[in-house]
């Protein structure tokens, strides 16, 4: 399997030989289970004490793709098995280091650790479990345990009851036979008034211009009172790719109030929210819609309630979208003992089944045609 890897001309990237040695070692370890592609967790890269960064590798198309996750940044490289060429990918604005320098430092270290793991996997994994700092691990905790002590839940019991009543009323309400741009903006304005009371004196279009995604796809150009024009525009798909229903802009999406025809062609609405910071705003909007007997469904209602009541699960860890251990210690130090930590990455000898999969991908470039652990 490895013989052809040594038959290269000189003048290659200076890290190519190191990558070749690492690849030999990593092929002796068990890939990640239940994945379509052949992927490995590699050893941790430790540039200095208490800074442990996960490494990961993927074999595909005659290339070994590597990544090192350091906080919010991922440092990626691609090694061509045949030519020995190496490419380093640009990293995000969160990066602190140069990608090539990271891999120059990491490759010898990762290779040494792989050799140690292959020689004595039990001792290697035991040492990792003993020494890995909590800062390098990921885990989960109940959201309310990440809040400062005595923090009141954003959604009170009374508001929750009103919200549930409003959603039930919206589900029972009769669909609208007609819908115009003016009527849509009127109900959107009602929703704004509930979430942003300081805007109540503004006209509906003014509120919309201040809060909505400005990619309205032609919605604001329609005749105010023409239901046929609205339906023709809606069914034409001319607004596809725009965001006419994002009534509060957010990332990746804010609050959406989308008109949806029912089986009879009459109109109902779907209210949804993606950005956590807008969850409470969306709940207040739902209450206003219910009070107006608007026919609507709140998509993801239970998840929003769980978040606002603090009973859902959040991720703890060093990566993007996770609550960092340092922040948790600052806000609620006793909560650290309540985190359910994921196991540290372990390295084990490759099984015959996985060795066969690796060989297949080396020969064909793809796992296609071979069974995976998930089948």
Protein backbone atom coordinates (compact mmCIF):
# COMPACT_ATOMS: atom_id res chain seq x y z
CA UNK A 1 0.00 0.00 0.00
CA UNK A 2 2.81 2.39 0.87
CA UNK A 3 5.49 1.51 -1.68
CA UNK A 4 4.56 4.06 -4.31
CA UNK A 5 4.67 6.89 -1.77
CA UNK A 6 8.48 6.91 -1.78
CA UNK A 7 8.83 7.15 -5.59
CA UNK A 8 8.81 10.94 -5.89
CA UNK A 9 11.22 13.42 -7.37
CA UNK A 10 12.97 15.79 -5.01
CA UNK A 11 12.16 19.48 -4.78
CA UNK A 12 8.80 18.87 -3.11
CA UNK A 13 7.38 20.96 -0.32
CA UNK A 14 9.62 20.44 2.74
CA UNK A 15 6.64 19.16 4.75
CA UNK A 16 5.70 16.51 2.21
CA UNK A 17 7.96 13.82 3.69
CA UNK A 18 6.60 14.54 7.15
CA UNK A 19 3.06 14.25 5.83
CA UNK A 20 3.99 10.93 4.25
CA UNK A 21 5.23 9.56 7.56
CA UNK A 22 2.14 10.83 9.36
CA UNK A 23 -0.08 9.17 6.75
CA UNK A 24 1.61 5.82 7.31
CA UNK A 25 0.96 6.09 11.02
CA UNK A 26 -2.62 7.29 10.75
CA UNK A 27 -3.51 4.37 8.47
CA UNK A 28 -2.80 2.08 11.41
CA UNK A 29 -5.50 3.79 13.50
CA UNK A 30 -9.27 3.34 13.50
CA UNK A 31 -11.23 5.92 11.47
CA UNK A 32 -14.23 7.68 12.96
CA UNK A 33 -17.20 5.33 13.09
CA UNK A 34 -20.49 5.78 11.24
CA UNK A 35 -19.22 8.29 8.69
CA UNK A 36 -19.54 7.92 4.93
CA UNK A 37 -16.05 9.20 4.24
CA UNK A 38 -12.91 7.75 5.75
CA UNK A 39 -12.03 10.25 8.47
CA UNK A 40 -9.79 10.13 11.51
CA UNK A 41 -9.48 12.09 14.69
CA UNK A 42 -5.76 12.66 15.00
CA UNK A 43 -3.82 13.44 18.18
CA UNK A 44 -4.15 16.79 19.88
CA UNK A 45 -1.74 19.49 18.74
CA UNK A 46 -0.25 21.13 21.86
CA UNK A 47 1.74 24.28 21.01
CA UNK A 48 2.06 25.16 24.70
CA UNK A 49 0.80 24.00 28.07
CA UNK A 50 -2.98 23.80 28.41
CA UNK A 51 -3.49 24.60 24.72
CA UNK A 52 -4.75 21.35 23.21
CA UNK A 53 -6.20 21.58 19.71
CA UNK A 54 -8.03 18.76 17.92
CA UNK A 55 -6.72 17.48 14.60
CA UNK A 56 -8.83 15.70 12.00
CA UNK A 57 -8.03 14.04 8.67
CA UNK A 58 -10.10 12.93 5.69
CA UNK A 59 -9.00 10.66 2.83
CA UNK A 60 -10.62 11.35 -0.53
CA UNK A 61 -9.69 11.59 -4.18
CA UNK A 62 -6.04 10.74 -3.66
CA UNK A 63 -5.61 13.50 -1.08
CA UNK A 64 -5.37 13.68 2.67
CA UNK A 65 -7.21 16.70 4.03
CA UNK A 66 -6.12 17.86 7.46
CA UNK A 67 -7.58 20.38 9.86
CA UNK A 68 -6.51 21.71 13.22
CA UNK A 69 -9.23 23.38 15.26
CA UNK A 70 -7.88 26.15 17.46
CA UNK A 71 -10.71 28.02 19.11
CA UNK A 72 -12.87 29.70 16.48
CA UNK A 73 -10.30 29.19 13.72
CA UNK A 74 -9.63 26.07 11.65
CA UNK A 75 -6.24 25.65 9.97
CA UNK A 76 -6.54 23.38 6.94
CA UNK A 77 -4.07 21.70 4.63
CA UNK A 78 -4.30 19.28 1.70
CA UNK A 79 -1.60 16.77 0.86
CA UNK A 80 -1.65 15.13 -2.58
CA UNK A 81 -0.63 11.51 -2.03
CA UNK A 82 0.72 11.03 -5.54
CA UNK A 83 2.53 14.30 -6.23
CA UNK A 84 3.39 15.22 -2.67
CA UNK A 85 2.13 18.76 -3.20
CA UNK A 86 0.69 20.58 -0.20
CA UNK A 87 -1.84 23.41 -0.20
CA UNK A 88 -2.75 25.53 2.81
CA UNK A 89 -6.16 27.12 3.01
CA UNK A 90 -6.78 30.65 4.15
CA UNK A 91 -8.41 30.78 7.55
CA UNK A 92 -11.15 32.96 8.97
CA UNK A 93 -10.85 36.39 10.50
CA UNK A 94 -10.70 34.66 13.89
CA UNK A 95 -7.27 33.18 13.14
CA UNK A 96 -4.25 34.21 15.16
CA UNK A 97 -1.59 32.23 13.33
CA UNK A 98 -0.28 31.56 9.83
CA UNK A 99 -1.62 28.24 8.51
CA UNK A 100 1.67 26.99 7.10
CA UNK A 101 3.47 27.82 10.33
CA UNK A 102 0.84 25.91 12.30
CA UNK A 103 1.33 22.79 10.18
CA UNK A 104 5.11 23.14 10.21
CA UNK A 105 4.97 22.97 13.98
CA UNK A 106 2.16 20.42 14.21
CA UNK A 107 3.21 17.70 11.76
CA UNK A 108 6.25 16.37 13.65
CA UNK A 109 4.36 16.54 16.93
CA UNK A 110 1.28 14.76 15.59
CA UNK A 111 3.45 12.08 14.01
CA UNK A 112 5.30 11.42 17.28
CA UNK A 113 2.03 11.07 19.12
CA UNK A 114 0.59 8.76 16.48
CA UNK A 115 3.64 6.52 16.78
CA UNK A 116 3.23 6.44 20.56
CA UNK A 117 -0.46 5.62 20.19
CA UNK A 118 0.24 2.80 17.75
CA UNK A 119 2.93 1.32 19.99
CA UNK A 120 0.79 1.33 23.13
CA UNK A 121 -2.74 2.63 22.60
CA UNK A 122 -3.94 1.91 26.14
CA UNK A 123 -1.12 3.84 27.76
CA UNK A 124 -1.44 6.68 25.24
CA UNK A 125 -5.19 7.11 25.73
CA UNK A 126 -4.87 6.83 29.50
CA UNK A 127 -2.29 9.63 29.48
CA UNK A 128 -4.53 11.84 27.30
CA UNK A 129 -7.50 11.32 29.62
CA UNK A 130 -5.32 12.21 32.60
CA UNK A 131 -3.67 15.32 31.19
CA UNK A 132 -6.18 16.99 28.86
CA UNK A 133 -7.32 20.32 30.33
CA UNK A 134 -11.02 21.07 30.59
CA UNK A 135 -10.46 24.12 28.40
CA UNK A 136 -9.82 21.78 25.45
CA UNK A 137 -12.89 19.63 25.96
CA UNK A 138 -16.48 19.96 24.85
CA UNK A 139 -19.58 19.20 26.81
CA UNK A 140 -23.18 20.12 27.52
CA UNK A 141 -25.07 21.84 30.29
CA UNK A 142 -28.62 22.99 31.02
CA UNK A 143 -28.85 26.58 29.80
CA UNK A 144 -30.06 28.11 33.07
CA UNK A 145 -26.87 26.88 34.71
CA UNK A 146 -24.88 29.17 32.42
CA UNK A 147 -26.81 32.25 33.60
CA UNK A 148 -25.71 34.40 36.55
CA UNK A 149 -27.26 33.45 39.89
CA UNK A 150 -30.79 34.65 40.52
CA UNK A 151 -31.33 35.49 36.85
CA UNK A 152 -35.03 35.53 36.04
CA UNK A 153 -36.12 33.55 33.02
CA UNK A 154 -36.80 35.85 30.03
CA UNK A 155 -40.18 34.19 29.54
CA UNK A 156 -42.30 34.44 32.68
CA UNK A 157 -44.96 31.93 33.57
CA UNK A 158 -47.67 34.44 32.73
CA UNK A 159 -46.13 35.24 29.34
CA UNK A 160 -45.76 31.55 28.61
CA UNK A 161 -49.47 30.98 29.27
CA UNK A 162 -50.38 33.91 27.00
CA UNK A 163 -48.04 32.57 24.33
CA UNK A 164 -49.54 29.08 24.41
CA UNK A 165 -53.05 30.54 24.23
CA UNK A 166 -52.08 32.76 21.29
CA UNK A 167 -50.55 29.88 19.34
CA UNK A 168 -53.64 27.74 19.95
CA UNK A 169 -55.87 30.59 18.79
CA UNK A 170 -53.73 31.08 15.69
CA UNK A 171 -54.00 27.38 14.85
CA UNK A 172 -57.80 27.51 15.13
CA UNK A 173 -58.30 30.79 13.25
CA UNK A 174 -59.86 30.65 9.81
CA UNK A 175 -57.58 31.16 6.83
CA UNK A 176 -57.80 34.44 4.93
CA UNK A 177 -59.49 34.28 1.54
CA UNK A 178 -57.45 37.20 0.21
CA UNK A 179 -54.15 38.86 1.01
CA UNK A 180 -52.69 42.12 -0.28
CA UNK A 181 -49.36 43.78 0.36
CA UNK A 182 -51.11 46.38 2.48
CA UNK A 183 -52.87 43.73 4.57
CA UNK A 184 -49.61 41.85 5.03
CA UNK A 185 -47.80 45.00 6.19
CA UNK A 186 -50.70 45.79 8.53
CA UNK A 187 -50.32 42.49 10.39
CA UNK A 188 -46.53 42.86 10.35
CA UNK A 189 -46.98 46.31 11.89
CA UNK A 190 -49.06 44.77 14.67
CA UNK A 191 -46.24 42.34 15.36
CA UNK A 192 -43.69 45.18 15.45
CA UNK A 193 -45.81 47.11 17.96
CA UNK A 194 -45.69 44.16 20.37
CA UNK A 195 -41.92 43.70 20.15
CA UNK A 196 -40.86 47.31 19.61
CA UNK A 197 -43.33 49.60 21.39
CA UNK A 198 -41.24 52.69 20.60
CA UNK A 199 -42.23 52.25 16.92
CA UNK A 200 -45.99 52.34 17.47
CA UNK A 201 -46.41 55.87 16.13
CA UNK A 202 -44.78 54.98 12.80
CA UNK A 203 -46.56 53.82 9.66
CA UNK A 204 -46.32 50.11 8.86
CA UNK A 205 -44.00 50.70 5.92
CA UNK A 206 -41.69 52.82 8.07
CA UNK A 207 -41.49 50.09 10.69
CA UNK A 208 -40.76 47.57 7.97
CA UNK A 209 -37.99 49.70 6.48
CA UNK A 210 -36.32 50.00 9.90
CA UNK A 211 -36.42 46.34 10.90
CA UNK A 212 -36.89 44.06 7.89
CA UNK A 213 -34.37 42.63 5.44
CA UNK A 214 -34.38 45.14 2.58
CA UNK A 215 -34.31 42.39 -0.06
CA UNK A 216 -38.09 42.41 -0.38
CA UNK A 217 -38.18 40.87 -3.89
CA UNK A 218 -40.89 43.22 -5.15
CA UNK A 219 -43.26 43.02 -2.18
CA UNK A 220 -43.16 46.76 -1.54
CA UNK A 221 -43.77 47.56 -5.23
CA UNK A 222 -47.12 45.74 -5.41
CA UNK A 223 -50.43 47.63 -5.53
CA UNK A 224 -51.59 48.13 -1.94
CA UNK A 225 -55.09 46.67 -2.25
CA UNK A 226 -54.79 44.21 -5.15
CA UNK A 227 -55.12 40.64 -3.89
CA UNK A 228 -54.77 39.21 -7.42
CA UNK A 229 -51.50 41.07 -7.93
CA UNK A 230 -50.22 39.73 -4.61
CA UNK A 231 -51.16 36.13 -5.44
CA UNK A 232 -49.72 36.34 -8.97
CA UNK A 233 -46.47 37.75 -7.63
CA UNK A 234 -46.34 35.15 -4.85
CA UNK A 235 -46.99 32.21 -7.18
CA UNK A 236 -44.59 33.50 -9.85
CA UNK A 237 -41.64 32.93 -7.56
CA UNK A 238 -40.25 36.31 -8.62
CA UNK A 239 -39.20 36.85 -5.00
CA UNK A 240 -37.20 33.61 -4.82
CA UNK A 241 -33.73 34.31 -3.47
CA UNK A 242 -34.93 37.43 -1.70
CA UNK A 243 -36.10 37.75 1.89
CA UNK A 244 -39.51 39.48 1.77
CA UNK A 245 -40.74 37.58 4.82
CA UNK A 246 -37.79 38.33 7.12
CA UNK A 247 -39.54 41.05 9.09
CA UNK A 248 -36.66 41.41 11.56
CA UNK A 249 -33.22 41.06 10.03
CA UNK A 250 -30.88 38.67 11.82
CA UNK A 251 -28.01 36.25 11.25
CA UNK A 252 -28.29 33.77 9.69
CA UNK A 253 -32.02 34.55 9.81
CA UNK A 254 -34.05 36.76 12.09
CA UNK A 255 -37.83 36.68 12.54
CA UNK A 256 -39.81 35.37 9.57
CA UNK A 257 -43.54 35.85 8.98
CA UNK A 258 -44.29 33.89 5.83
CA UNK A 259 -47.70 33.69 4.12
CA UNK A 260 -48.47 30.11 3.08
CA UNK A 261 -51.53 28.98 1.05
CA UNK A 262 -53.56 26.22 2.65
CA UNK A 263 -54.99 23.33 0.55
CA UNK A 264 -57.95 25.53 -0.45
CA UNK A 265 -55.66 28.33 -1.62
CA UNK A 266 -56.51 30.56 1.34
CA UNK A 267 -53.80 32.25 3.38
CA UNK A 268 -52.19 31.32 6.66
CA UNK A 269 -48.87 32.40 8.17
CA UNK A 270 -45.78 30.68 9.50
CA UNK A 271 -43.90 32.56 12.19
CA UNK A 272 -40.34 31.45 12.89
CA UNK A 273 -37.15 32.78 14.42
CA UNK A 274 -33.55 31.66 14.07
CA UNK A 275 -31.37 34.12 16.02
CA UNK A 276 -31.56 33.35 19.76
CA UNK A 277 -31.39 37.05 20.61
CA UNK A 278 -34.75 37.52 18.85
CA UNK A 279 -36.60 34.63 20.51
CA UNK A 280 -38.42 36.81 23.04
CA UNK A 281 -39.32 39.34 20.33
CA UNK A 282 -40.89 36.54 18.29
CA UNK A 283 -42.89 35.34 21.30
CA UNK A 284 -44.29 38.83 21.85
CA UNK A 285 -45.19 38.99 18.16
CA UNK A 286 -46.98 35.66 18.40
CA UNK A 287 -49.05 36.90 21.32
CA UNK A 288 -50.08 39.95 19.26
CA UNK A 289 -50.97 37.79 16.26
CA UNK A 290 -53.06 35.51 18.46
CA UNK A 291 -54.84 38.46 20.03
CA UNK A 292 -55.78 39.55 16.48
CA UNK A 293 -57.00 36.02 15.61
CA UNK A 294 -54.45 35.83 12.80
CA UNK A 295 -54.22 32.32 11.31
CA UNK A 296 -50.63 31.34 12.09
CA UNK A 297 -48.36 28.53 13.16
CA UNK A 298 -45.20 29.13 15.18
CA UNK A 299 -42.52 26.87 13.73
CA UNK A 300 -40.15 25.49 16.40
CA UNK A 301 -42.32 26.77 19.25
CA UNK A 302 -41.22 24.17 21.80
CA UNK A 303 -37.55 24.82 21.14
CA UNK A 304 -38.01 28.57 21.58
CA UNK A 305 -39.84 28.04 24.87
CA UNK A 306 -37.15 25.67 26.16
CA UNK A 307 -34.46 28.22 25.37
CA UNK A 308 -36.27 31.14 26.99
CA UNK A 309 -37.09 29.07 30.07
CA UNK A 310 -33.47 27.93 30.29
CA UNK A 311 -34.21 24.21 30.23
CA UNK A 312 -32.61 23.31 26.91
CA UNK A 313 -29.06 22.05 26.54
CA UNK A 314 -26.20 24.30 25.42
CA UNK A 315 -22.71 23.36 24.32
CA UNK A 316 -19.66 24.20 26.38
CA UNK A 317 -16.30 24.34 24.65
CA UNK A 318 -13.70 26.38 22.78
CA UNK A 319 -15.39 26.38 19.36
CA UNK A 320 -17.65 28.84 17.60
CA UNK A 321 -21.20 28.83 18.93
CA UNK A 322 -20.17 27.26 22.24
CA UNK A 323 -19.97 28.85 25.69
CA UNK A 324 -16.33 28.96 26.70
CA UNK A 325 -15.22 27.42 29.96
CA UNK A 326 -13.66 30.72 31.03
CA UNK A 327 -16.96 32.55 30.51
CA UNK A 328 -18.82 29.86 32.43
CA UNK A 329 -16.36 30.11 35.32
CA UNK A 330 -16.78 33.89 35.41
CA UNK A 331 -20.57 33.79 35.32
CA UNK A 332 -21.42 30.63 37.27
CA UNK A 333 -18.30 28.84 38.61
CA UNK A 334 -20.25 26.13 40.44
CA UNK A 335 -21.87 25.13 37.12
CA UNK A 336 -18.59 23.66 35.88
CA UNK A 337 -19.27 20.59 38.02
CA UNK A 338 -22.63 20.16 36.27
CA UNK A 339 -21.21 19.99 32.75
CA UNK A 340 -21.50 16.61 31.06
CA UNK A 341 -18.13 16.39 29.33
CA UNK A 342 -17.56 14.52 26.09
CA UNK A 343 -14.85 11.87 26.17
CA UNK A 344 -11.41 12.97 25.08
CA UNK A 345 -10.39 11.89 21.59
CA UNK A 346 -8.87 8.41 21.73
CA UNK A 347 -6.78 6.56 19.17
CA UNK A 348 -7.18 2.81 18.65
CA UNK A 349 -5.73 0.21 16.26
CA UNK A 350 -7.54 -0.09 12.94
CA UNK A 351 -10.03 -2.91 12.53
CA UNK A 352 -9.97 -5.25 9.51
CA UNK A 353 -13.23 -3.74 8.21
CA UNK A 354 -11.87 -0.19 8.31
CA UNK A 355 -8.52 -1.25 6.84
CA UNK A 356 -10.45 -2.62 3.90
CA UNK A 357 -12.32 0.69 3.51
CA UNK A 358 -9.08 2.67 3.60
CA UNK A 359 -7.58 0.43 0.95
CA UNK A 360 -10.65 0.86 -1.25
CA UNK A 361 -10.49 4.67 -1.02
CA UNK A 362 -6.76 4.61 -1.80
CA UNK A 363 -7.43 2.56 -4.91
CA UNK A 364 -10.56 4.30 -6.17
CA UNK A 365 -10.47 7.72 -4.54
CA UNK A 366 -13.94 7.36 -3.02
CA UNK A 367 -15.79 5.22 -0.44
CA UNK A 368 -18.54 4.67 -3.01
CA UNK A 369 -19.30 1.02 -3.52
CA UNK A 370 -18.06 -0.07 -0.09
CA UNK A 371 -20.35 -0.53 2.91
CA UNK A 372 -20.02 1.95 5.76
CA UNK A 373 -20.46 1.43 9.45
CA UNK A 374 -23.74 3.33 9.28
CA UNK A 375 -25.34 0.79 6.89
